[in-house]
Amino acid sequence: MDDKSLIEIIEEFSKIQEIKAIALGGSTEAKTSDNLSDYDIYIFSDVEVPITRRTEIAKKYSDRYEIHNTYYGDGDEWFRRSDSKVFDLMYWNRKWIENIIESIWIHNEAWGGYTTCFLYTVKNAKILYDPQGWLENLQKKLATPYPQQLADNIIQRNSMMIKDKISASFKEQIEKAVKRGDYVSVNHRISAFLAGYFDIIFAANKLLHPGEKRLVEYALKHCNRLPENFEQNIKELCTGPHKLTALNNICAELDKFLQ
């Protein structure tokens, strides 16, 4: 990490008593960042980190900032004064993330889409501050082999949701929305369909889900197996005029893939 200002900022936060660990995640650490990418900084604590201290640090490095927004959990967002680089600071309770890892990695609980995203974030984050070794121990737990039962549960749950339910699967909802000409609903249900679809693809390949960005690119690069016409069918579903044809093709190829 050669960003001197970032190092200084991390040192500022590490002095706050309530903070137990800090990590750098997102596309920056994954080496997929570009000039539009933020610094995603994860701050772990057992209680709320004081708002006044967070504000003081933001003011030292930024003129444009928002502190303690709660749109997606507790977070701060600010533009670094020197170069307008965006800092996205997320405050995660340690017990909360421990419980998520326990329920998914140990007890093999499957979600409807994005099941292992938080696990991916923790496993692949670069540890910047971890005096008790707490975050390092979580990463060691996630370095164990991907549980087969978890993969099976993710595939079963999401297959039902996207196409196999007796009624109101995402596939059925997309078909009805297209026939009604309800294109807001079409886009909404396609997003839900693809969330479950990619959960299946990554589980079948025993890969943690990397999140919502660059999924096609990530799958092409990292998955050992993919359904036939994977990229072509997704592109047609999202951008082409023949959405129902693409939807049917995706489901048919997914069935073959899972056999």
Protein backbone atom coordinates (compact mmCIF):
# COMPACT_ATOMS: atom_id res chain seq x y z
CA MET A 1 0.00 0.00 0.00
CA ASP A 2 1.86 3.08 -1.25
CA ASP A 3 -0.81 5.75 -0.71
CA LYS A 4 0.74 7.82 2.09
CA SER A 5 -2.45 9.74 2.77
CA LEU A 6 -4.41 6.51 3.11
CA ILE A 7 -1.82 5.20 5.58
CA GLU A 8 -2.20 8.38 7.62
CA ILE A 9 -5.98 8.04 7.62
CA ILE A 10 -5.80 4.43 8.81
CA GLU A 11 -3.42 5.48 11.58
CA GLU A 12 -5.94 8.11 12.67
CA PHE A 13 -8.72 5.55 12.92
CA SER A 14 -6.53 2.96 14.65
CA LYS A 15 -6.16 5.37 17.58
CA ILE A 16 -9.90 5.24 18.30
CA GLN A 17 -10.43 2.94 21.26
CA GLU A 18 -13.68 1.42 19.99
CA ILE A 19 -12.13 0.20 16.72
CA LYS A 20 -10.84 -3.38 16.86
CA ALA A 21 -9.84 -3.99 13.21
CA ILE A 22 -9.60 -2.19 9.87
CA ALA A 23 -9.38 -3.66 6.37
CA LEU A 24 -9.24 -2.50 2.78
CA GLY A 25 -11.61 -4.27 0.43
CA GLY A 26 -13.50 -3.79 -2.79
CA SER A 27 -12.02 -3.52 -6.26
CA THR A 28 -8.90 -1.72 -5.01
CA GLU A 29 -7.66 -4.73 -3.10
CA ALA A 30 -8.98 -7.16 -5.73
CA LYS A 31 -6.84 -5.40 -8.36
CA THR A 32 -9.90 -4.70 -10.54
CA SER A 33 -10.16 -1.00 -9.73
CA ASP A 34 -10.21 1.83 -12.26
CA ASN A 35 -10.32 5.60 -12.01
CA LEU A 36 -13.98 5.38 -10.96
CA SER A 37 -13.31 3.06 -8.03
CA ASP A 38 -13.58 4.06 -4.39
CA TYR A 39 -11.50 3.13 -1.39
CA ASP A 40 -13.69 0.64 0.48
CA ILE A 41 -12.60 0.63 4.11
CA TYR A 42 -14.16 -1.78 6.59
CA ILE A 43 -14.03 -0.79 10.25
CA PHE A 44 -14.91 -3.40 12.88
CA SER A 45 -16.02 -2.66 16.40
CA ASP A 46 -18.29 -3.93 19.18
CA VAL A 47 -20.06 -0.60 19.75
CA GLU A 48 -20.74 2.45 17.61
CA VAL A 49 -17.61 4.38 16.72
CA PRO A 50 -18.03 7.97 18.02
CA ILE A 51 -19.55 10.27 15.39
CA THR A 52 -17.58 13.28 16.61
CA ARG A 53 -14.23 11.56 16.09
CA ARG A 54 -15.25 10.29 12.65
CA THR A 55 -16.24 13.83 11.70
CA GLU A 56 -12.92 15.24 12.91
CA ILE A 57 -10.96 12.84 10.72
CA ALA A 58 -13.17 13.55 7.69
CA LYS A 59 -12.69 17.31 8.08
CA LYS A 60 -8.92 16.86 8.22
CA TYR A 61 -8.82 15.26 4.76
CA SER A 62 -12.05 16.32 3.05
CA ASP A 63 -14.34 19.27 2.35
CA ARG A 64 -17.19 17.11 1.02
CA TYR A 65 -18.33 14.36 3.33
CA GLU A 66 -21.36 12.65 4.81
CA ILE A 67 -21.01 11.07 8.24
CA HIS A 68 -23.17 8.32 9.77
CA ASN A 69 -25.40 7.66 6.79
CA THR A 70 -27.51 4.57 7.30
CA TYR A 71 -28.68 3.73 3.78
CA TYR A 72 -26.88 0.37 3.79
CA GLY A 73 -25.80 0.16 7.41
CA ASP A 74 -23.63 2.62 9.30
CA GLY A 75 -21.18 4.39 7.02
CA ASP A 76 -19.27 7.54 6.09
CA GLU A 77 -18.55 8.80 2.58
CA TRP A 78 -16.14 11.53 1.70
CA PHE A 79 -14.03 12.94 -1.13
CA ARG A 80 -10.36 13.33 -0.32
CA ARG A 81 -9.37 16.97 -0.63
CA SER A 82 -6.13 16.33 -2.50
CA ASP A 83 -7.53 14.36 -5.44
CA SER A 84 -11.32 13.84 -4.95
CA LYS A 85 -10.77 10.13 -4.34
CA VAL A 86 -13.91 8.71 -2.77
CA PHE A 87 -13.60 7.02 0.62
CA ASP A 88 -16.43 4.66 1.51
CA LEU A 89 -16.07 3.71 5.17
CA MET A 90 -18.32 0.92 6.45
CA TYR A 91 -18.69 0.19 10.15
CA TRP A 92 -19.40 -3.47 10.88
CA ASN A 93 -20.22 -4.93 14.25
CA ARG A 94 -17.93 -7.86 15.00
CA LYS A 95 -20.64 -10.11 16.41
CA TRP A 96 -22.84 -9.42 13.39
CA ILE A 97 -20.23 -10.58 10.86
CA GLU A 98 -19.22 -13.51 13.07
CA ASN A 99 -22.86 -14.67 13.09
CA ILE A 100 -23.14 -14.39 9.31
CA ILE A 101 -20.00 -16.46 8.79
CA GLU A 102 -21.18 -19.04 11.32
CA SER A 103 -24.63 -19.43 9.77
CA ILE A 104 -23.33 -19.71 6.20
CA TRP A 105 -19.89 -21.34 6.41
CA ILE A 106 -20.52 -23.61 9.38
CA HIS A 107 -24.28 -24.26 9.26
CA ASN A 108 -24.55 -23.96 5.44
CA GLU A 109 -27.50 -21.58 5.35
CA ALA A 110 -28.34 -20.41 1.82
CA TRP A 111 -29.78 -17.02 0.90
CA GLY A 112 -31.74 -15.95 -2.15
CA GLY A 113 -28.85 -14.48 -4.10
CA TYR A 114 -25.50 -13.11 -2.87
CA THR A 115 -25.19 -15.82 -0.20
CA THR A 116 -21.43 -15.62 0.25
CA CYS A 117 -20.75 -11.96 -0.58
CA PHE A 118 -19.93 -10.89 2.98
CA LEU A 119 -17.66 -13.92 3.29
CA TYR A 120 -15.85 -12.91 0.09
CA THR A 121 -15.32 -9.42 1.49
CA VAL A 122 -13.84 -10.69 4.74
CA LYS A 123 -11.69 -13.41 3.16
CA ASN A 124 -10.17 -11.14 0.50
CA ALA A 125 -9.80 -7.92 2.46
CA LYS A 126 -6.32 -6.59 3.14
CA ILE A 127 -5.87 -6.28 6.89
CA LEU A 128 -4.62 -2.82 7.84
CA TYR A 129 -5.11 -2.94 11.60
CA ASP A 130 -5.83 -6.05 13.68
CA PRO A 131 -3.94 -5.94 17.02
CA GLN A 132 -5.84 -8.87 18.53
CA GLY A 133 -5.65 -11.06 15.42
CA TRP A 134 -9.45 -11.27 15.35
CA LEU A 135 -9.83 -10.54 11.64
CA GLU A 136 -6.92 -12.80 10.74
CA ASN A 137 -8.67 -15.67 12.55
CA LEU A 138 -11.87 -15.06 10.56
CA GLN A 139 -9.86 -15.22 7.35
CA LYS A 140 -8.29 -18.50 8.45
CA LYS A 141 -11.75 -19.95 9.06
CA LEU A 142 -12.78 -18.96 5.53
CA ALA A 143 -9.59 -20.43 4.06
CA THR A 144 -10.96 -23.94 4.69
CA PRO A 145 -12.48 -25.88 1.75
CA TYR A 146 -15.84 -24.68 0.44
CA PRO A 147 -18.51 -26.89 2.13
CA GLN A 148 -20.25 -29.20 -0.32
CA GLN A 149 -23.49 -28.94 1.68
CA LEU A 150 -23.41 -25.16 1.34
CA ALA A 151 -23.00 -25.43 -2.43
CA ASP A 152 -25.90 -27.90 -2.60
CA ASN A 153 -28.13 -25.68 -0.46
CA ILE A 154 -27.40 -22.56 -2.50
CA ILE A 155 -28.10 -24.37 -5.76
CA GLN A 156 -31.34 -25.89 -4.48
CA ARG A 157 -32.73 -22.71 -2.92
CA ASN A 158 -31.89 -20.44 -5.81
CA SER A 159 -32.97 -22.89 -8.50
CA MET A 160 -36.38 -22.99 -6.87
CA MET A 161 -36.60 -19.21 -6.66
CA ILE A 162 -35.48 -18.40 -10.19
CA LYS A 163 -37.24 -21.14 -12.17
CA ASP A 164 -38.51 -24.26 -10.36
CA LYS A 165 -41.17 -23.01 -7.94
CA ILE A 166 -44.67 -24.25 -8.72
CA SER A 167 -45.81 -20.63 -8.91
CA ALA A 168 -44.30 -17.14 -9.01
CA SER A 169 -40.71 -18.08 -9.83
CA PHE A 170 -38.69 -15.15 -11.12
CA LYS A 171 -38.84 -16.70 -14.59
CA GLU A 172 -42.63 -16.76 -14.48
CA GLN A 173 -42.77 -13.21 -13.17
CA ILE A 174 -40.52 -11.99 -15.99
CA GLU A 175 -42.68 -13.72 -18.58
CA LYS A 176 -45.83 -12.10 -17.22
CA ALA A 177 -44.21 -8.68 -17.00
CA VAL A 178 -43.04 -8.89 -20.64
CA LYS A 179 -46.52 -9.88 -21.79
CA ARG A 180 -48.03 -6.97 -19.86
CA GLY A 181 -45.48 -4.54 -21.24
CA ASP A 182 -44.47 -3.67 -17.66
CA TYR A 183 -40.82 -2.94 -18.28
CA VAL A 184 -40.10 -1.56 -14.82
CA SER A 185 -41.18 -4.93 -13.46
CA VAL A 186 -39.20 -6.70 -16.19
CA ASN A 187 -35.98 -5.03 -15.08
CA HIS A 188 -36.74 -5.58 -11.41
CA ARG A 189 -37.38 -9.29 -11.83
CA ILE A 190 -34.45 -9.82 -14.19
CA SER A 191 -32.19 -8.37 -11.48
CA ALA A 192 -33.62 -10.83 -8.95
CA PHE A 193 -33.31 -13.70 -11.43
CA LEU A 194 -29.65 -12.91 -12.12
CA ALA A 195 -28.87 -12.59 -8.41
CA GLY A 196 -30.02 -16.16 -7.90
CA TYR A 197 -28.46 -17.35 -11.16
CA PHE A 198 -24.99 -16.11 -10.24
CA ASP A 199 -25.35 -17.52 -6.73
CA ILE A 200 -25.85 -20.92 -8.38
CA ILE A 201 -22.93 -20.47 -10.80
CA PHE A 202 -20.45 -19.50 -8.09
CA ALA A 203 -21.66 -22.20 -5.68
CA ALA A 204 -21.33 -24.87 -8.37
CA ASN A 205 -17.74 -23.73 -8.89
CA LYS A 206 -17.06 -23.58 -5.13
CA LEU A 207 -16.31 -19.86 -5.35
CA LEU A 208 -17.37 -17.13 -2.96
CA HIS A 209 -19.66 -14.57 -4.59
CA PRO A 210 -17.66 -11.38 -5.33
CA GLY A 211 -20.59 -8.94 -5.27
CA GLU A 212 -22.65 -7.11 -7.84
CA LYS A 213 -20.04 -5.63 -10.21
CA ARG A 214 -18.32 -7.18 -13.24
CA LEU A 215 -19.96 -10.55 -12.63
CA VAL A 216 -19.74 -11.83 -16.19
CA GLU A 217 -16.08 -10.86 -16.40
CA TYR A 218 -15.35 -12.46 -13.03
CA ALA A 219 -17.14 -15.69 -13.92
CA LEU A 220 -15.36 -16.00 -17.26
CA LYS A 221 -12.01 -15.54 -15.56
CA HIS A 222 -12.45 -17.68 -12.44
CA CYS A 223 -15.09 -20.36 -13.03
CA ASN A 224 -13.89 -23.76 -14.21
CA ARG A 225 -17.34 -24.57 -15.61
CA LEU A 226 -20.05 -22.37 -17.09
CA PRO A 227 -23.31 -23.04 -18.93
CA GLU A 228 -23.16 -23.02 -22.72
CA ASN A 229 -23.51 -19.58 -24.33
CA PHE A 230 -23.16 -18.04 -20.87
CA GLU A 231 -22.11 -14.53 -21.85
CA GLN A 232 -24.23 -14.33 -24.99
CA ASN A 233 -27.44 -15.34 -23.24
CA ILE A 234 -26.95 -12.91 -20.35
CA LYS A 235 -26.23 -10.05 -22.71
CA GLU A 236 -29.38 -10.81 -24.70
CA LEU A 237 -31.48 -11.02 -21.54
CA CYS A 238 -30.21 -7.68 -20.26
CA THR A 239 -29.92 -5.64 -23.45
CA GLY A 240 -31.52 -7.49 -26.36
CA PRO A 241 -35.06 -7.44 -27.75
CA HIS A 242 -35.66 -11.19 -27.32
CA LYS A 243 -35.70 -11.43 -23.54
CA LEU A 244 -37.99 -14.42 -23.25
CA THR A 245 -35.94 -16.44 -25.72
CA ALA A 246 -32.79 -15.59 -23.79
CA LEU A 247 -34.51 -16.43 -20.50
CA ASN A 248 -35.59 -19.84 -21.77
CA ASN A 249 -32.10 -20.51 -23.13
CA ILE A 250 -30.47 -19.57 -19.82
CA CYS A 251 -32.76 -21.89 -17.87
CA ALA A 252 -32.28 -24.77 -20.33
CA GLU A 253 -28.50 -24.41 -20.29
CA LEU A 254 -28.49 -24.11 -16.50
CA ASP A 255 -30.39 -27.40 -16.21
CA LYS A 256 -27.76 -29.09 -18.39
CA PHE A 257 -24.98 -27.45 -16.39
CA LEU A 258 -26.36 -28.79 -13.10
CA GLN A 259 -26.83 -32.37 -14.27
